[in-house]
Amino acid sequence: MIYSVVQVIPYEDYTVYVYFEDGKIVCYDARPLLEKKAFEPLKNIDFFMNSCTILNDTLAWDVSGDRDESKCLDIDPETLYKLEQAVERIA
């Protein structure tokens, strides 16, 4: 099954609310990624917040700034979909 992400909302605590086309909502905790060299750009909270987007039909961070799907940091949508259902966060 293909799980398409339709919306992502990042928060300054390094969580991202991920909305799927079937209505499921999950909260992804990106803090463990900060320890991995490949995800080092995420340590900059401005980058984390401003480059968070949807690329490759999943949660991603646009590294190049030109929406190049080959130059992004993305999370496997199946990994996201397996997370526990979350209640929508009110800002």
PDB file of N, CA and C in Angstrom:
ATOM      1  N   MET A   1       0.834  -1.182   0.000  1.00  0.00           N
ATOM      2  CA  MET A   1       0.000   0.000   0.000  1.00  0.00           C
ATOM      3  C   MET A   1       0.878   1.245   0.000  1.00  0.00           C
ATOM      4  N   ILE A   2       0.451   2.249  -0.721  1.00  0.00           N
ATOM      5  CA  ILE A   2       1.181   3.514  -0.773  1.00  0.00           C
ATOM      6  C   ILE A   2       0.494   4.505   0.152  1.00  0.00           C
ATOM      7  N   TYR A   3       1.273   5.127   1.004  1.00  0.00           N
ATOM      8  CA  TYR A   3       0.755   6.081   1.970  1.00  0.00           C
ATOM      9  C   TYR A   3       1.180   7.485   1.536  1.00  0.00           C
ATOM     10  N   SER A   4       0.246   8.287   1.064  1.00  0.00           N
ATOM     11  CA  SER A   4       0.570   9.632   0.597  1.00  0.00           C
ATOM     12  C   SER A   4       0.320  10.666   1.687  1.00  0.00           C
ATOM     13  N   VAL A   5       1.330  11.469   1.919  1.00  0.00           N
ATOM     14  CA  VAL A   5       1.252  12.559   2.881  1.00  0.00           C
ATOM     15  C   VAL A   5       0.698  13.779   2.145  1.00  0.00           C
ATOM     16  N   VAL A   6      -0.271  14.448   2.778  1.00  0.00           N
ATOM     17  CA  VAL A   6      -0.877  15.620   2.145  1.00  0.00           C
ATOM     18  C   VAL A   6      -0.579  16.928   2.881  1.00  0.00           C
ATOM     19  N   GLN A   7      -0.120  16.837   4.126  1.00  0.00           N
ATOM     20  CA  GLN A   7       0.210  18.042   4.872  1.00  0.00           C
ATOM     21  C   GLN A   7       1.200  17.703   5.973  1.00  0.00           C
ATOM     22  N   VAL A   8       2.121  18.633   6.226  1.00  0.00           N
ATOM     23  CA  VAL A   8       3.062  18.500   7.343  1.00  0.00           C
ATOM     24  C   VAL A   8       3.116  19.839   8.072  1.00  0.00           C
ATOM     25  N   ILE A   9       3.134  19.769   9.392  1.00  0.00           N
ATOM     26  CA  ILE A   9       3.228  20.981  10.197  1.00  0.00           C
ATOM     27  C   ILE A   9       4.336  20.777  11.234  1.00  0.00           C
ATOM     28  N   PRO A  10       5.470  21.478  11.057  1.00  0.00           N
ATOM     29  CA  PRO A  10       6.575  21.342  12.013  1.00  0.00           C
ATOM     30  C   PRO A  10       6.382  22.255  13.226  1.00  0.00           C
ATOM     31  N   TYR A  11       6.957  21.828  14.346  1.00  0.00           N
ATOM     32  CA  TYR A  11       6.923  22.611  15.566  1.00  0.00           C
ATOM     33  C   TYR A  11       8.344  22.752  16.107  1.00  0.00           C
ATOM     34  N   GLU A  12       8.565  23.795  16.904  1.00  0.00           N
ATOM     35  CA  GLU A  12       9.906  24.096  17.400  1.00  0.00           C
ATOM     36  C   GLU A  12      10.456  23.084  18.387  1.00  0.00           C
ATOM     37  N   ASP A  13       9.656  22.123  18.808  1.00  0.00           N
ATOM     38  CA  ASP A  13      10.157  21.058  19.685  1.00  0.00           C
ATOM     39  C   ASP A  13      10.646  19.854  18.860  1.00  0.00           C
ATOM     40  N   TYR A  14      10.841  20.078  17.562  1.00  0.00           N
ATOM     41  CA  TYR A  14      11.324  19.050  16.623  1.00  0.00           C
ATOM     42  C   TYR A  14      10.322  17.912  16.429  1.00  0.00           C
ATOM     43  N   THR A  15       9.051  18.224  16.555  1.00  0.00           N
ATOM     44  CA  THR A  15       8.022  17.277  16.154  1.00  0.00           C
ATOM     45  C   THR A  15       7.363  17.809  14.888  1.00  0.00           C
ATOM     46  N   VAL A  16       6.788  16.892  14.126  1.00  0.00           N
ATOM     47  CA  VAL A  16       6.069  17.257  12.914  1.00  0.00           C
ATOM     48  C   VAL A  16       4.767  16.477  12.892  1.00  0.00           C
ATOM     49  N   TYR A  17       3.674  17.187  12.748  1.00  0.00           N
ATOM     50  CA  TYR A  17       2.397  16.516  12.562  1.00  0.00           C
ATOM     51  C   TYR A  17       2.244  16.216  11.081  1.00  0.00           C
ATOM     52  N   VAL A  18       1.985  14.956  10.785  1.00  0.00           N
ATOM     53  CA  VAL A  18       1.929  14.459   9.415  1.00  0.00           C
ATOM     54  C   VAL A  18       0.501  13.984   9.143  1.00  0.00           C
ATOM     55  N   TYR A  19      -0.069  14.505   8.062  1.00  0.00           N
ATOM     56  CA  TYR A  19      -1.446  14.194   7.687  1.00  0.00           C
ATOM     57  C   TYR A  19      -1.438  13.357   6.409  1.00  0.00           C
ATOM     58  N   PHE A  20      -2.113  12.226   6.454  1.00  0.00           N
ATOM     59  CA  PHE A  20      -2.198  11.334   5.299  1.00  0.00           C
ATOM     60  C   PHE A  20      -3.515  11.544   4.561  1.00  0.00           C
ATOM     61  N   GLU A  21      -3.531  11.151   3.297  1.00  0.00           N
ATOM     62  CA  GLU A  21      -4.718  11.362   2.476  1.00  0.00           C
ATOM     63  C   GLU A  21      -5.934  10.583   2.976  1.00  0.00           C
ATOM     64  N   ASP A  22      -5.716   9.529   3.741  1.00  0.00           N
ATOM     65  CA  ASP A  22      -6.862   8.769   4.259  1.00  0.00           C
ATOM     66  C   ASP A  22      -7.394   9.328   5.586  1.00  0.00           C
ATOM     67  N   GLY A  23      -6.820  10.452   6.035  1.00  0.00           N
ATOM     68  CA  GLY A  23      -7.280  11.101   7.255  1.00  0.00           C
ATOM     69  C   GLY A  23      -6.459  10.802   8.492  1.00  0.00           C
ATOM     70  N   LYS A  24      -5.565   9.846   8.415  1.00  0.00           N
ATOM     71  CA  LYS A  24      -4.736   9.525   9.579  1.00  0.00           C
ATOM     72  C   LYS A  24      -3.772  10.678   9.851  1.00  0.00           C
ATOM     73  N   ILE A  25      -3.571  10.966  11.138  1.00  0.00           N
ATOM     74  CA  ILE A  25      -2.632  11.990  11.589  1.00  0.00           C
ATOM     75  C   ILE A  25      -1.663  11.322  12.547  1.00  0.00           C
ATOM     76  N   VAL A  26      -0.362  11.586  12.354  1.00  0.00           N
ATOM     77  CA  VAL A  26       0.649  11.076  13.282  1.00  0.00           C
ATOM     78  C   VAL A  26       1.558  12.218  13.695  1.00  0.00           C
ATOM     79  N   CYS A  27       2.181  12.046  14.835  1.00  0.00           N
ATOM     80  CA  CYS A  27       3.171  13.008  15.306  1.00  0.00           C
ATOM     81  C   CYS A  27       4.540  12.342  15.215  1.00  0.00           C
ATOM     82  N   TYR A  28       5.392  12.891  14.351  1.00  0.00           N
ATOM     83  CA  TYR A  28       6.730  12.343  14.161  1.00  0.00           C
ATOM     84  C   TYR A  28       7.713  13.133  15.007  1.00  0.00           C
ATOM     85  N   ASP A  29       8.441  12.448  15.869  1.00  0.00           N
ATOM     86  CA  ASP A  29       9.461  13.061  16.709  1.00  0.00           C
ATOM     87  C   ASP A  29      10.789  12.980  15.962  1.00  0.00           C
ATOM     88  N   ALA A  30      11.258  14.108  15.460  1.00  0.00           N
ATOM     89  CA  ALA A  30      12.481  14.133  14.659  1.00  0.00           C
ATOM     90  C   ALA A  30      13.747  14.274  15.510  1.00  0.00           C
ATOM     91  N   ARG A  31      13.622  14.395  16.807  1.00  0.00           N
ATOM     92  CA  ARG A  31      14.810  14.597  17.653  1.00  0.00           C
ATOM     93  C   ARG A  31      15.864  13.505  17.502  1.00  0.00           C
ATOM     94  N   PRO A  32      15.507  12.226  17.376  1.00  0.00           N
ATOM     95  CA  PRO A  32      16.550  11.213  17.189  1.00  0.00           C
ATOM     96  C   PRO A  32      17.365  11.411  15.906  1.00  0.00           C
ATOM     97  N   LEU A  33      16.798  12.061  14.912  1.00  0.00           N
ATOM     98  CA  LEU A  33      17.528  12.309  13.668  1.00  0.00           C
ATOM     99  C   LEU A  33      18.698  13.255  13.871  1.00  0.00           C
ATOM    100  N   LEU A  34      18.607  14.118  14.872  1.00  0.00           N
ATOM    101  CA  LEU A  34      19.637  15.121  15.108  1.00  0.00           C
ATOM    102  C   LEU A  34      20.988  14.499  15.424  1.00  0.00           C
ATOM    103  N   GLU A  35      20.997  13.249  15.852  1.00  0.00           N
ATOM    104  CA  GLU A  35      22.242  12.547  16.185  1.00  0.00           C
ATOM    105  C   GLU A  35      22.915  11.943  14.949  1.00  0.00           C
ATOM    106  N   LYS A  36      22.222  11.924  13.818  1.00  0.00           N
ATOM    107  CA  LYS A  36      22.745  11.286  12.606  1.00  0.00           C
ATOM    108  C   LYS A  36      23.372  12.332  11.697  1.00  0.00           C
ATOM    109  N   LYS A  37      24.558  12.035  11.214  1.00  0.00           N
ATOM    110  CA  LYS A  37      25.305  12.987  10.393  1.00  0.00           C
ATOM    111  C   LYS A  37      24.516  13.449   9.172  1.00  0.00           C
ATOM    112  N   ALA A  38      23.811  12.555   8.520  1.00  0.00           N
ATOM    113  CA  ALA A  38      23.066  12.916   7.310  1.00  0.00           C
ATOM    114  C   ALA A  38      21.996  13.964   7.590  1.00  0.00           C
ATOM    115  N   PHE A  39      21.494  13.991   8.821  1.00  0.00           N
ATOM    116  CA  PHE A  39      20.420  14.908   9.174  1.00  0.00           C
ATOM    117  C   PHE A  39      20.928  16.123   9.947  1.00  0.00           C
ATOM    118  N   GLU A  40      22.210  16.359   9.942  1.00  0.00           N
ATOM    119  CA  GLU A  40      22.813  17.462  10.682  1.00  0.00           C
ATOM    120  C   GLU A  40      22.178  18.829  10.389  1.00  0.00           C
ATOM    121  N   PRO A  41      21.778  19.118   9.137  1.00  0.00           N
ATOM    122  CA  PRO A  41      21.150  20.427   8.878  1.00  0.00           C
ATOM    123  C   PRO A  41      19.908  20.692   9.728  1.00  0.00           C
ATOM    124  N   LEU A  42      19.249  19.633  10.190  1.00  0.00           N
ATOM    125  CA  LEU A  42      18.037  19.813  10.984  1.00  0.00           C
ATOM    126  C   LEU A  42      18.308  20.425  12.356  1.00  0.00           C
ATOM    127  N   LYS A  43      19.554  20.404  12.805  1.00  0.00           N
ATOM    128  CA  LYS A  43      19.887  20.992  14.101  1.00  0.00           C
ATOM    129  C   LYS A  43      19.601  22.493  14.120  1.00  0.00           C
ATOM    130  N   ASN A  44      19.659  23.118  12.949  1.00  0.00           N
ATOM    131  CA  ASN A  44      19.322  24.529  12.827  1.00  0.00           C
ATOM    132  C   ASN A  44      17.797  24.629  12.808  1.00  0.00           C
ATOM    133  N   ILE A  45      17.219  25.169  13.872  1.00  0.00           N
ATOM    134  CA  ILE A  45      15.764  25.181  14.005  1.00  0.00           C
ATOM    135  C   ILE A  45      15.098  25.960  12.870  1.00  0.00           C
ATOM    136  N   ASP A  46      15.737  27.006  12.377  1.00  0.00           N
ATOM    137  CA  ASP A  46      15.161  27.749  11.249  1.00  0.00           C
ATOM    138  C   ASP A  46      15.081  26.872  10.012  1.00  0.00           C
ATOM    139  N   PHE A  47      16.136  26.098   9.753  1.00  0.00           N
ATOM    140  CA  PHE A  47      16.116  25.173   8.623  1.00  0.00           C
ATOM    141  C   PHE A  47      15.037  24.115   8.836  1.00  0.00           C
ATOM    142  N   PHE A  48      14.995  23.559  10.023  1.00  0.00           N
ATOM    143  CA  PHE A  48      14.002  22.529  10.339  1.00  0.00           C
ATOM    144  C   PHE A  48      12.593  23.033  10.057  1.00  0.00           C
ATOM    145  N   MET A  49      12.285  24.229  10.524  1.00  0.00           N
ATOM    146  CA  MET A  49      10.942  24.778  10.392  1.00  0.00           C
ATOM    147  C   MET A  49      10.635  25.215   8.956  1.00  0.00           C
ATOM    148  N   ASN A  50      11.571  25.898   8.318  1.00  0.00           N
ATOM    149  CA  ASN A  50      11.301  26.528   7.029  1.00  0.00           C
ATOM    150  C   ASN A  50      11.471  25.620   5.824  1.00  0.00           C
ATOM    151  N   SER A  51      12.216  24.547   5.960  1.00  0.00           N
ATOM    152  CA  SER A  51      12.414  23.657   4.809  1.00  0.00           C
ATOM    153  C   SER A  51      11.553  22.400   4.907  1.00  0.00           C
ATOM    154  N   CYS A  52      10.788  22.267   5.973  1.00  0.00           N
ATOM    155  CA  CYS A  52       9.898  21.121   6.146  1.00  0.00           C
ATOM    156  C   CYS A  52       8.787  21.200   5.103  1.00  0.00           C
ATOM    157  N   THR A  53       8.611  20.116   4.353  1.00  0.00           N
ATOM    158  CA  THR A  53       7.669  20.118   3.247  1.00  0.00           C
ATOM    159  C   THR A  53       7.267  18.691   2.889  1.00  0.00           C
ATOM    160  N   ILE A  54       6.611  18.562   1.778  1.00  0.00           N
ATOM    161  CA  ILE A  54       6.290  17.248   1.226  1.00  0.00           C
ATOM    162  C   ILE A  54       7.037  17.099  -0.091  1.00  0.00           C
ATOM    163  N   LEU A  55       7.887  16.106  -0.157  1.00  0.00           N
ATOM    164  CA  LEU A  55       8.578  15.720  -1.388  1.00  0.00           C
ATOM    165  C   LEU A  55       8.538  14.204  -1.445  1.00  0.00           C
ATOM    166  N   ASN A  56       8.480  13.640  -2.622  1.00  0.00           N
ATOM    167  CA  ASN A  56       8.383  12.182  -2.772  1.00  0.00           C
ATOM    168  C   ASN A  56       7.162  11.621  -2.047  1.00  0.00           C
ATOM    169  N   ASP A  57       6.108  12.428  -1.950  1.00  0.00           N
ATOM    170  CA  ASP A  57       4.847  12.050  -1.277  1.00  0.00           C
ATOM    171  C   ASP A  57       5.016  11.744   0.203  1.00  0.00           C
ATOM    172  N   THR A  58       6.023  12.343   0.828  1.00  0.00           N
ATOM    173  CA  THR A  58       6.247  12.090   2.247  1.00  0.00           C
ATOM    174  C   THR A  58       6.860  13.313   2.919  1.00  0.00           C
ATOM    175  N   LEU A  59       6.994  13.245   4.237  1.00  0.00           N
ATOM    176  CA  LEU A  59       7.654  14.283   5.013  1.00  0.00           C
ATOM    177  C   LEU A  59       9.099  14.407   4.547  1.00  0.00           C
ATOM    178  N   ALA A  60       9.513  15.646   4.278  1.00  0.00           N
ATOM    179  CA  ALA A  60      10.879  15.868   3.809  1.00  0.00           C
ATOM    180  C   ALA A  60      11.338  17.261   4.215  1.00  0.00           C
ATOM    181  N   TRP A  61      12.642  17.450   4.143  1.00  0.00           N
ATOM    182  CA  TRP A  61      13.239  18.766   4.305  1.00  0.00           C
ATOM    183  C   TRP A  61      13.977  19.068   3.016  1.00  0.00           C
ATOM    184  N   ASP A  62      13.649  20.203   2.421  1.00  0.00           N
ATOM    185  CA  ASP A  62      14.182  20.617   1.132  1.00  0.00           C
ATOM    186  C   ASP A  62      15.577  21.218   1.323  1.00  0.00           C
ATOM    187  N   VAL A  63      16.600  20.402   1.136  1.00  0.00           N
ATOM    188  CA  VAL A  63      17.983  20.813   1.397  1.00  0.00           C
ATOM    189  C   VAL A  63      18.450  21.880   0.409  1.00  0.00           C
ATOM    190  N   SER A  64      18.136  21.704  -0.866  1.00  0.00           N
ATOM    191  CA  SER A  64      18.637  22.617  -1.896  1.00  0.00           C
ATOM    192  C   SER A  64      17.814  23.895  -2.007  1.00  0.00           C
ATOM    193  N   GLY A  65      16.580  23.868  -1.527  1.00  0.00           N
ATOM    194  CA  GLY A  65      15.728  25.034  -1.627  1.00  0.00           C
ATOM    195  C   GLY A  65      15.025  25.166  -2.965  1.00  0.00           C
ATOM    196  N   ASP A  66      15.235  24.203  -3.860  1.00  0.00           N
ATOM    197  CA  ASP A  66      14.592  24.291  -5.179  1.00  0.00           C
ATOM    198  C   ASP A  66      13.637  23.120  -5.432  1.00  0.00           C
ATOM    199  N   ARG A  67      13.211  22.468  -4.361  1.00  0.00           N
ATOM    200  CA  ARG A  67      12.248  21.358  -4.418  1.00  0.00           C
ATOM    201  C   ARG A  67      12.728  20.199  -5.279  1.00  0.00           C
ATOM    202  N   ASP A  68      14.034  19.995  -5.307  1.00  0.00           N
ATOM    203  CA  ASP A  68      14.628  18.866  -6.029  1.00  0.00           C
ATOM    204  C   ASP A  68      14.456  17.622  -5.158  1.00  0.00           C
ATOM    205  N   GLU A  69      13.647  16.674  -5.646  1.00  0.00           N
ATOM    206  CA  GLU A  69      13.338  15.478  -4.859  1.00  0.00           C
ATOM    207  C   GLU A  69      14.554  14.593  -4.610  1.00  0.00           C
ATOM    208  N   SER A  70      15.613  14.790  -5.387  1.00  0.00           N
ATOM    209  CA  SER A  70      16.826  13.996  -5.177  1.00  0.00           C
ATOM    210  C   SER A  70      17.761  14.652  -4.163  1.00  0.00           C
ATOM    211  N   LYS A  71      17.446  15.885  -3.756  1.00  0.00           N
ATOM    212  CA  LYS A  71      18.280  16.605  -2.796  1.00  0.00           C
ATOM    213  C   LYS A  71      17.451  17.007  -1.586  1.00  0.00           C
ATOM    214  N   CYS A  72      16.881  16.003  -0.960  1.00  0.00           N
ATOM    215  CA  CYS A  72      16.083  16.278   0.237  1.00  0.00           C
ATOM    216  C   CYS A  72      16.385  15.215   1.286  1.00  0.00           C
ATOM    217  N   LEU A  73      15.995  15.521   2.489  1.00  0.00           N
ATOM    218  CA  LEU A  73      16.040  14.549   3.583  1.00  0.00           C
ATOM    219  C   LEU A  73      14.599  14.126   3.797  1.00  0.00           C
ATOM    220  N   ASP A  74      14.292  12.864   3.506  1.00  0.00           N
ATOM    221  CA  ASP A  74      12.905  12.434   3.644  1.00  0.00           C
ATOM    222  C   ASP A  74      12.791  11.189   4.507  1.00  0.00           C
ATOM    223  N   ILE A  75      11.577  10.986   5.004  1.00  0.00           N
ATOM    224  CA  ILE A  75      11.280   9.879   5.900  1.00  0.00           C
ATOM    225  C   ILE A  75      10.350   8.922   5.162  1.00  0.00           C
ATOM    226  N   ASP A  76      10.659   7.651   5.237  1.00  0.00           N
ATOM    227  CA  ASP A  76       9.851   6.633   4.575  1.00  0.00           C
ATOM    228  C   ASP A  76       8.394   6.768   5.028  1.00  0.00           C
ATOM    229  N   PRO A  77       7.458   6.928   4.077  1.00  0.00           N
ATOM    230  CA  PRO A  77       6.060   7.104   4.480  1.00  0.00           C
ATOM    231  C   PRO A  77       5.482   5.913   5.239  1.00  0.00           C
ATOM    232  N   GLU A  78       5.970   4.724   4.959  1.00  0.00           N
ATOM    233  CA  GLU A  78       5.489   3.556   5.697  1.00  0.00           C
ATOM    234  C   GLU A  78       5.893   3.639   7.162  1.00  0.00           C
ATOM    235  N   THR A  79       7.102   4.119   7.416  1.00  0.00           N
ATOM    236  CA  THR A  79       7.568   4.323   8.792  1.00  0.00           C
ATOM    237  C   THR A  79       6.653   5.306   9.511  1.00  0.00           C
ATOM    238  N   LEU A  80       6.300   6.378   8.828  1.00  0.00           N
ATOM    239  CA  LEU A  80       5.413   7.378   9.420  1.00  0.00           C
ATOM    240  C   LEU A  80       4.030   6.804   9.685  1.00  0.00           C
ATOM    241  N   TYR A  81       3.509   6.067   8.707  1.00  0.00           N
ATOM    242  CA  TYR A  81       2.147   5.548   8.820  1.00  0.00           C
ATOM    243  C   TYR A  81       2.007   4.548   9.969  1.00  0.00           C
ATOM    244  N   LYS A  82       3.081   3.873  10.300  1.00  0.00           N
ATOM    245  CA  LYS A  82       3.045   2.892  11.383  1.00  0.00           C
ATOM    246  C   LYS A  82       2.977   3.533  12.768  1.00  0.00           C
ATOM    247  N   LEU A  83       3.230   4.840  12.846  1.00  0.00           N
ATOM    248  CA  LEU A  83       3.156   5.528  14.134  1.00  0.00           C
ATOM    249  C   LEU A  83       1.718   5.541  14.637  1.00  0.00           C
ATOM    250  N   GLU A  84       1.587   5.667  15.942  1.00  0.00           N
ATOM    251  CA  GLU A  84       0.274   5.715  16.574  1.00  0.00           C
ATOM    252  C   GLU A  84      -0.503   6.947  16.107  1.00  0.00           C
ATOM    253  N   GLN A  85      -1.796   6.760  15.933  1.00  0.00           N
ATOM    254  CA  GLN A  85      -2.691   7.873  15.562  1.00  0.00           C
ATOM    255  C   GLN A  85      -2.538   8.979  16.590  1.00  0.00           C
ATOM    256  N   ALA A  86      -2.446  10.224  16.120  1.00  0.00           N
ATOM    257  CA  ALA A  86      -2.312  11.367  17.014  1.00  0.00           C
ATOM    258  C   ALA A  86      -3.569  12.217  16.953  1.00  0.00           C
ATOM    259  N   VAL A  87      -3.777  12.983  18.009  1.00  0.00           N
ATOM    260  CA  VAL A  87      -4.854  13.956  18.024  1.00  0.00           C
ATOM    261  C   VAL A  87      -4.275  15.244  17.461  1.00  0.00           C
ATOM    262  N   GLU A  88      -5.032  15.888  16.595  1.00  0.00           N
ATOM    263  CA  GLU A  88      -4.556  17.111  15.965  1.00  0.00           C
ATOM    264  C   GLU A  88      -4.149  18.137  17.020  1.00  0.00           C
ATOM    265  N   ARG A  89      -2.996  18.722  16.808  1.00  0.00           N
ATOM    266  CA  ARG A  89      -2.446  19.695  17.760  1.00  0.00           C
ATOM    267  C   ARG A  89      -3.006  21.082  17.441  1.00  0.00           C
ATOM    268  N   ILE A  90      -3.436  21.777  18.469  1.00  0.00           N
ATOM    269  CA  ILE A  90      -3.902  23.144  18.314  1.00  0.00           C
ATOM    270  C   ILE A  90      -2.731  24.064  18.667  1.00  0.00           C
ATOM    271  N   ALA A  91      -2.348  24.907  17.742  1.00  0.00           N
ATOM    272  CA  ALA A  91      -1.165  25.778  17.920  1.00  0.00           C
ATOM    273  C   ALA A  91      -1.284  26.739  19.052  1.00  0.00           C
TER     274      ALA A  91
END
